[in-house]
C-alpha cells in the first residue's frame, strides 16, 4: 500500500546515455511533443502514480519494467525502484518501439 507521504516525496530520475540518445531522436522526430514530454517527466518526478501517467507494470520478457504514457500514442518504459525512489527511463516511442 502506498502512503500519502510517499506521494509528497520527489523521485530521482537517472537518465542513461542510451536513453538520452533515444530521447533526442524522439524529439527530433516529434518536435510537436516537446511540451507533453517535458510535462510527463515533471509529473513522473513528482508523482509517478498520478493517473495521467497510466503507470503499469509490464509482463512477459519486459516483466522487470514499467510503462507510462506521454499521450495515447507514445510511451516511456522505465525501471522503477520504488524502495529507492529511483526511476530509470529505458525507451521512448510508440507502443511497439517502447516495448521492443
C-alpha atoms as a PDB file:
ATOM      1  CA  UNK A   1       0.000   0.000   0.000  1.00  0.00           C
ATOM      2  CA  UNK A   2       1.308   3.427  -0.924  1.00  0.00           C
ATOM      3  CA  UNK A   3       1.046   6.030   1.814  1.00  0.00           C
ATOM      4  CA  UNK A   4       0.212   9.701   1.302  1.00  0.00           C
ATOM      5  CA  UNK A   5       3.725  10.653   2.456  1.00  0.00           C
ATOM      6  CA  UNK A   6       5.180   8.668  -0.471  1.00  0.00           C
ATOM      7  CA  UNK A   7       3.248  10.888  -2.875  1.00  0.00           C
ATOM      8  CA  UNK A   8       4.839  14.029  -1.435  1.00  0.00           C
ATOM      9  CA  UNK A   9       8.416  12.826  -1.854  1.00  0.00           C
ATOM     10  CA  UNK A  10      10.113  13.511  -5.163  1.00  0.00           C
ATOM     11  CA  UNK A  11      11.602  10.653  -7.105  1.00  0.00           C
ATOM     12  CA  UNK A  12      15.083  10.696  -8.598  1.00  0.00           C
ATOM     13  CA  UNK A  13      15.224  10.166 -12.368  1.00  0.00           C
ATOM     14  CA  UNK A  14      18.502   8.827 -13.722  1.00  0.00           C
ATOM     15  CA  UNK A  15      18.978   9.376 -17.450  1.00  0.00           C
ATOM     16  CA  UNK A  16      21.383   6.934 -19.086  1.00  0.00           C
ATOM     17  CA  UNK A  17      23.373   7.747 -22.227  1.00  0.00           C
ATOM     18  CA  UNK A  18      21.372   5.221 -24.236  1.00  0.00           C
ATOM     19  CA  UNK A  19      18.059   6.716 -23.102  1.00  0.00           C
ATOM     20  CA  UNK A  20      19.260  10.256 -23.830  1.00  0.00           C
ATOM     21  CA  UNK A  21      20.160   9.201 -27.387  1.00  0.00           C
ATOM     22  CA  UNK A  22      16.697   7.698 -27.846  1.00  0.00           C
ATOM     23  CA  UNK A  23      15.030  10.800 -26.385  1.00  0.00           C
ATOM     24  CA  UNK A  24      16.960  13.147 -28.703  1.00  0.00           C
ATOM     25  CA  UNK A  25      15.893  11.053 -31.724  1.00  0.00           C
ATOM     26  CA  UNK A  26      12.315  11.016 -30.485  1.00  0.00           C
ATOM     27  CA  UNK A  27      12.190  14.812 -30.028  1.00  0.00           C
ATOM     28  CA  UNK A  28      13.769  15.422 -33.455  1.00  0.00           C
ATOM     29  CA  UNK A  29      11.123  13.185 -34.992  1.00  0.00           C
ATOM     30  CA  UNK A  30       8.269  14.671 -32.911  1.00  0.00           C
ATOM     31  CA  UNK A  31       9.104  18.312 -32.040  1.00  0.00           C
ATOM     32  CA  UNK A  32       5.398  18.962 -31.505  1.00  0.00           C
ATOM     33  CA  UNK A  33       5.505  16.676 -28.436  1.00  0.00           C
ATOM     34  CA  UNK A  34       8.237  18.528 -26.513  1.00  0.00           C
ATOM     35  CA  UNK A  35       5.745  20.203 -24.174  1.00  0.00           C
ATOM     36  CA  UNK A  36       3.858  16.978 -23.441  1.00  0.00           C
ATOM     37  CA  UNK A  37       7.114  15.075 -22.946  1.00  0.00           C
ATOM     38  CA  UNK A  38       8.502  17.665 -20.502  1.00  0.00           C
ATOM     39  CA  UNK A  39       5.209  17.745 -18.587  1.00  0.00           C
ATOM     40  CA  UNK A  40       5.246  13.933 -18.390  1.00  0.00           C
ATOM     41  CA  UNK A  41       8.779  13.914 -16.945  1.00  0.00           C
ATOM     42  CA  UNK A  42       7.940  16.610 -14.376  1.00  0.00           C
ATOM     43  CA  UNK A  43       4.865  14.717 -13.253  1.00  0.00           C
ATOM     44  CA  UNK A  44       6.851  11.468 -13.144  1.00  0.00           C
ATOM     45  CA  UNK A  45       9.379  13.044 -10.791  1.00  0.00           C
ATOM     46  CA  UNK A  46       6.686  14.491  -8.506  1.00  0.00           C
ATOM     47  CA  UNK A  47       4.223  11.600  -8.513  1.00  0.00           C
ATOM     48  CA  UNK A  48       4.779   8.556 -10.749  1.00  0.00           C
ATOM     49  CA  UNK A  49       1.427   7.208  -9.528  1.00  0.00           C
ATOM     50  CA  UNK A  50      -0.574  10.121 -10.981  1.00  0.00           C
ATOM     51  CA  UNK A  51      -3.449   8.696 -13.055  1.00  0.00           C
ATOM     52  CA  UNK A  52      -2.482  10.793 -16.106  1.00  0.00           C
ATOM     53  CA  UNK A  53       0.741   8.785 -16.462  1.00  0.00           C
ATOM     54  CA  UNK A  54      -1.073   5.435 -16.546  1.00  0.00           C
ATOM     55  CA  UNK A  55       1.864   3.743 -14.796  1.00  0.00           C
ATOM     56  CA  UNK A  56       1.687  -0.017 -15.102  1.00  0.00           C
ATOM     57  CA  UNK A  57       3.988  -2.988 -14.739  1.00  0.00           C
ATOM     58  CA  UNK A  58       4.792  -4.857 -17.924  1.00  0.00           C
ATOM     59  CA  UNK A  59       4.731  -8.620 -18.320  1.00  0.00           C
ATOM     60  CA  UNK A  60       6.496 -11.305 -20.303  1.00  0.00           C
ATOM     61  CA  UNK A  61      10.039 -10.517 -21.417  1.00  0.00           C
ATOM     62  CA  UNK A  62       9.620  -6.953 -20.075  1.00  0.00           C
ATOM     63  CA  UNK A  63       8.393  -8.000 -16.620  1.00  0.00           C
ATOM     64  CA  UNK A  64      11.187  -6.045 -14.917  1.00  0.00           C
ATOM     65  CA  UNK A  65       9.939  -2.782 -16.461  1.00  0.00           C
ATOM     66  CA  UNK A  66       7.057  -0.361 -16.086  1.00  0.00           C
ATOM     67  CA  UNK A  67       5.456   1.912 -18.643  1.00  0.00           C
ATOM     68  CA  UNK A  68       3.984   5.416 -18.579  1.00  0.00           C
ATOM     69  CA  UNK A  69       2.080   7.292 -21.260  1.00  0.00           C
ATOM     70  CA  UNK A  70       3.136  10.572 -22.833  1.00  0.00           C
ATOM     71  CA  UNK A  71      -0.159  10.539 -24.713  1.00  0.00           C
ATOM     72  CA  UNK A  72      -2.396   7.952 -26.330  1.00  0.00           C
ATOM     73  CA  UNK A  73       0.252   7.071 -28.947  1.00  0.00           C
ATOM     74  CA  UNK A  74       3.603   7.330 -27.151  1.00  0.00           C
ATOM     75  CA  UNK A  75       5.108   5.604 -24.136  1.00  0.00           C
ATOM     76  CA  UNK A  76       8.217   5.565 -21.968  1.00  0.00           C
ATOM     77  CA  UNK A  77       9.376   2.270 -20.469  1.00  0.00           C
ATOM     78  CA  UNK A  78      11.083   2.509 -17.089  1.00  0.00           C
ATOM     79  CA  UNK A  79      12.993   0.698 -14.438  1.00  0.00           C
ATOM     80  CA  UNK A  80      11.170   1.760 -11.307  1.00  0.00           C
ATOM     81  CA  UNK A  81      12.832   1.140  -7.941  1.00  0.00           C
ATOM     82  CA  UNK A  82      10.094   2.098  -5.505  1.00  0.00           C
ATOM     83  CA  UNK A  83      12.069   1.471  -2.309  1.00  0.00           C
ATOM     84  CA  UNK A  84      14.912   3.698  -3.500  1.00  0.00           C
ATOM     85  CA  UNK A  85      12.623   6.299  -5.098  1.00  0.00           C
ATOM     86  CA  UNK A  86      14.624   5.968  -8.317  1.00  0.00           C
ATOM     87  CA  UNK A  87      13.315   5.879 -11.872  1.00  0.00           C
ATOM     88  CA  UNK A  88      15.485   4.992 -14.862  1.00  0.00           C
ATOM     89  CA  UNK A  89      13.890   5.658 -18.266  1.00  0.00           C
ATOM     90  CA  UNK A  90      14.769   2.900 -20.742  1.00  0.00           C
ATOM     91  CA  UNK A  91      12.977   3.515 -24.061  1.00  0.00           C
ATOM     92  CA  UNK A  92      10.660   6.078 -25.600  1.00  0.00           C
ATOM     93  CA  UNK A  93       8.420   5.867 -28.650  1.00  0.00           C
ATOM     94  CA  UNK A  94       5.263   4.277 -29.953  1.00  0.00           C
ATOM     95  CA  UNK A  95       3.867   1.266 -28.139  1.00  0.00           C
ATOM     96  CA  UNK A  96       5.830  -1.096 -30.404  1.00  0.00           C
ATOM     97  CA  UNK A  97       9.051   0.942 -30.200  1.00  0.00           C
ATOM     98  CA  UNK A  98       8.978   1.312 -26.411  1.00  0.00           C
ATOM     99  CA  UNK A  99       8.090  -2.335 -25.816  1.00  0.00           C
ATOM    100  CA  UNK A 100      10.580  -3.858 -28.267  1.00  0.00           C
END
